[in-house]
């Protein structure tokens, strides 16, 4: 696999080795040993999640203040713009964000460590989004920073108003949010 560092230390783009011919393709989407060797991250995933969303759906920016989750994310149908935001107040990159296009075609993955908010917007007609987490979903610990927070000024590469859940519409501003130390 090829690992590409982003502007946020610890957030990495993972490009798997894809073997393809006229019949289709094969790639190993996760191998704990290879992942640890390539990224320096030794972790155990405890949960796999799969969502399907229509064009213009924006999910995020989500995180768990207790039982924080590292996430390894990928898209198997369609394309999204995936965003990670550093929510660790003691970090030199606090409040900074990075983004990457993930698609079924490019087969890229993004590693989002604990302490980061995460979200995505669907750029294609629809998208199927898969992610592994390092901790279990804890509804009482879930938090959301507003996707359009002016202090973050994220470029979602999307024109118009995204489709949001009630939870995402009610997200906190960064300056009012519960954050990591």
Protein backbone atom coordinates (compact mmCIF):
# COMPACT_ATOMS: atom_id res chain seq x y z
CA UNK A 1 0.00 0.00 0.00
CA UNK A 2 0.96 3.58 -0.50
CA UNK A 3 0.56 6.02 2.41
CA UNK A 4 0.21 9.75 1.74
CA UNK A 5 0.58 12.18 4.65
CA UNK A 6 -1.94 15.03 4.78
CA UNK A 7 -1.55 18.53 6.19
CA UNK A 8 -2.76 17.16 9.56
CA UNK A 9 -0.23 14.90 11.30
CA UNK A 10 -1.73 11.45 11.83
CA UNK A 11 -4.43 11.79 9.15
CA UNK A 12 -3.30 9.65 6.21
CA UNK A 13 -4.55 8.70 2.75
CA UNK A 14 -4.15 4.99 2.12
CA UNK A 15 -3.87 3.71 -1.44
CA UNK A 16 -4.17 -0.08 -1.61
CA UNK A 17 -2.44 -2.18 -4.25
CA UNK A 18 -5.13 -3.04 -6.79
CA UNK A 19 -4.80 -6.04 -9.06
CA UNK A 20 -7.04 -5.81 -12.10
CA UNK A 21 -7.60 -7.28 -15.52
CA UNK A 22 -10.47 -7.59 -18.01
CA UNK A 23 -12.42 -9.69 -15.46
CA UNK A 24 -12.42 -7.01 -12.76
CA UNK A 25 -10.17 -6.26 -9.79
CA UNK A 26 -9.05 -7.45 -6.37
CA UNK A 27 -7.51 -5.56 -3.49
CA UNK A 28 -6.98 -6.21 0.18
CA UNK A 29 -8.96 -3.45 1.88
CA UNK A 30 -7.39 -4.09 5.28
CA UNK A 31 -4.53 -6.13 6.70
CA UNK A 32 -3.58 -5.30 10.31
CA UNK A 33 0.10 -6.16 9.87
CA UNK A 34 0.52 -4.24 6.60
CA UNK A 35 -1.46 -1.26 7.97
CA UNK A 36 0.74 -1.06 11.10
CA UNK A 37 3.96 -1.39 9.08
CA UNK A 38 2.94 1.23 6.50
CA UNK A 39 1.37 3.80 8.85
CA UNK A 40 2.99 3.17 12.23
CA UNK A 41 -0.55 2.83 13.66
CA UNK A 42 -1.23 -0.29 15.68
CA UNK A 43 -4.92 -0.48 16.38
CA UNK A 44 -7.78 -2.89 16.78
CA UNK A 45 -11.03 -2.25 14.96
CA UNK A 46 -14.17 -3.24 16.87
CA UNK A 47 -16.97 -2.16 14.55
CA UNK A 48 -17.68 -1.94 10.80
CA UNK A 49 -20.28 0.52 9.51
CA UNK A 50 -21.88 0.97 6.09
CA UNK A 51 -24.04 3.87 4.96
CA UNK A 52 -25.72 4.78 1.70
CA UNK A 53 -26.50 8.40 0.93
CA UNK A 54 -28.00 10.35 -1.95
CA UNK A 55 -26.35 13.21 -3.85
CA UNK A 56 -25.88 16.27 -1.66
CA UNK A 57 -26.19 14.48 1.68
CA UNK A 58 -23.66 15.86 4.15
CA UNK A 59 -22.92 13.85 7.29
CA UNK A 60 -20.80 15.46 9.99
CA UNK A 61 -18.74 16.74 11.56
CA UNK A 62 -19.08 13.84 14.02
CA UNK A 63 -16.94 12.62 16.91
CA UNK A 64 -17.30 10.98 20.32
CA UNK A 65 -16.02 13.02 23.25
CA UNK A 66 -15.80 9.86 25.40
CA UNK A 67 -14.80 6.54 23.87
CA UNK A 68 -13.26 8.42 20.91
CA UNK A 69 -13.09 6.55 17.64
CA UNK A 70 -10.32 6.28 15.10
CA UNK A 71 -11.86 5.60 11.69
CA UNK A 72 -10.60 3.96 8.52
CA UNK A 73 -13.03 5.10 5.82
CA UNK A 74 -13.63 4.23 2.17
CA UNK A 75 -16.24 4.46 -0.57
CA UNK A 76 -17.42 1.42 -2.56
CA UNK A 77 -20.06 3.14 -4.73
CA UNK A 78 -19.90 6.74 -5.96
CA UNK A 79 -17.76 9.61 -4.71
CA UNK A 80 -17.58 11.80 -1.61
CA UNK A 81 -15.47 14.64 -0.33
CA UNK A 82 -14.23 13.40 3.03
CA UNK A 83 -13.14 15.87 5.72
CA UNK A 84 -11.18 15.52 8.98
CA UNK A 85 -10.88 18.37 11.52
CA UNK A 86 -8.42 18.47 14.41
CA UNK A 87 -10.49 18.94 17.61
CA UNK A 88 -7.63 18.57 20.11
CA UNK A 89 -7.24 21.95 21.88
CA UNK A 90 -3.59 21.21 22.76
CA UNK A 91 -2.65 20.38 19.16
CA UNK A 92 -0.66 22.84 17.03
CA UNK A 93 -3.14 22.07 14.21
CA UNK A 94 -6.27 22.59 16.35
CA UNK A 95 -9.20 23.77 14.22
CA UNK A 96 -7.46 22.93 10.94
CA UNK A 97 -8.99 20.58 8.42
CA UNK A 98 -8.00 18.44 5.47
CA UNK A 99 -10.08 16.87 2.74
CA UNK A 100 -9.76 14.15 0.12
CA UNK A 101 -12.02 12.76 -2.57
CA UNK A 102 -12.78 9.11 -1.92
CA UNK A 103 -14.47 7.10 -4.63
CA UNK A 104 -15.20 3.59 -5.82
CA UNK A 105 -12.94 4.39 -8.75
CA UNK A 106 -9.83 5.60 -6.88
CA UNK A 107 -10.25 3.06 -4.02
CA UNK A 108 -8.49 5.43 -1.61
CA UNK A 109 -9.07 5.21 2.13
CA UNK A 110 -8.59 7.81 4.83
CA UNK A 111 -7.30 7.13 8.34
CA UNK A 112 -8.88 9.58 10.80
CA UNK A 113 -7.33 9.18 14.27
CA UNK A 114 -9.05 9.71 17.60
CA UNK A 115 -9.40 13.39 18.47
CA UNK A 116 -10.64 14.44 15.04
CA UNK A 117 -14.09 15.36 13.79
CA UNK A 118 -15.16 13.63 10.61
CA UNK A 119 -17.69 14.27 7.87
CA UNK A 120 -18.39 13.85 4.18
CA UNK A 121 -20.61 15.17 1.41
CA UNK A 122 -21.83 13.00 -1.47
CA UNK A 123 -20.71 14.37 -4.85
CA UNK A 124 -22.08 11.57 -7.06
CA UNK A 125 -25.70 10.49 -7.59
CA UNK A 126 -25.33 8.31 -4.50
CA UNK A 127 -22.50 6.82 -2.45
CA UNK A 128 -21.89 3.84 -0.22
CA UNK A 129 -19.50 4.65 2.59
CA UNK A 130 -17.77 1.99 4.72
CA UNK A 131 -15.74 2.59 7.84
CA UNK A 132 -14.03 0.66 10.58
CA UNK A 133 -13.90 2.15 14.08
CA UNK A 134 -11.53 1.62 16.99
CA UNK A 135 -14.25 2.04 19.61
CA UNK A 136 -17.93 1.22 19.84
CA UNK A 137 -20.62 3.75 19.02
CA UNK A 138 -21.67 5.53 22.22
CA UNK A 139 -24.76 7.68 21.55
CA UNK A 140 -24.43 9.66 24.79
CA UNK A 141 -20.85 10.67 23.84
CA UNK A 142 -21.59 11.66 20.25
CA UNK A 143 -21.00 15.29 19.35
CA UNK A 144 -21.30 17.32 16.17
CA UNK A 145 -19.56 20.50 15.05
CA UNK A 146 -21.51 22.48 12.48
CA UNK A 147 -20.43 21.70 8.92
CA UNK A 148 -20.48 25.39 7.95
CA UNK A 149 -18.76 26.80 11.03
CA UNK A 150 -17.24 30.13 9.92
CA UNK A 151 -14.14 29.59 12.07
CA UNK A 152 -13.38 26.37 10.17
CA UNK A 153 -14.33 27.72 6.71
CA UNK A 154 -14.30 24.25 5.14
CA UNK A 155 -14.45 24.15 1.34
CA UNK A 156 -16.90 21.30 0.78
CA UNK A 157 -16.50 21.55 -3.02
CA UNK A 158 -20.29 21.45 -3.22
CA UNK A 159 -22.60 24.13 -4.55
CA UNK A 160 -26.01 24.67 -3.03
CA UNK A 161 -27.47 23.63 0.27
CA UNK A 162 -26.55 20.09 1.40
CA UNK A 163 -29.13 17.68 2.82
CA UNK A 164 -28.62 17.41 6.59
CA UNK A 165 -30.07 15.31 9.39
CA UNK A 166 -31.70 17.09 12.32
CA UNK A 167 -28.66 16.20 14.43
CA UNK A 168 -26.30 17.79 11.91
CA UNK A 169 -28.47 20.90 11.57
CA UNK A 170 -28.21 21.33 15.35
CA UNK A 171 -24.41 20.95 15.44
CA UNK A 172 -22.38 23.23 17.71
CA UNK A 173 -20.04 25.95 16.64
CA UNK A 174 -16.41 25.03 17.27
CA UNK A 175 -16.02 27.74 19.91
CA UNK A 176 -19.01 26.31 21.85
CA UNK A 177 -18.32 22.58 21.34
CA UNK A 178 -17.08 19.99 23.82
CA UNK A 179 -13.56 19.30 22.59
CA UNK A 180 -10.59 17.08 23.32
CA UNK A 181 -7.85 18.34 25.64
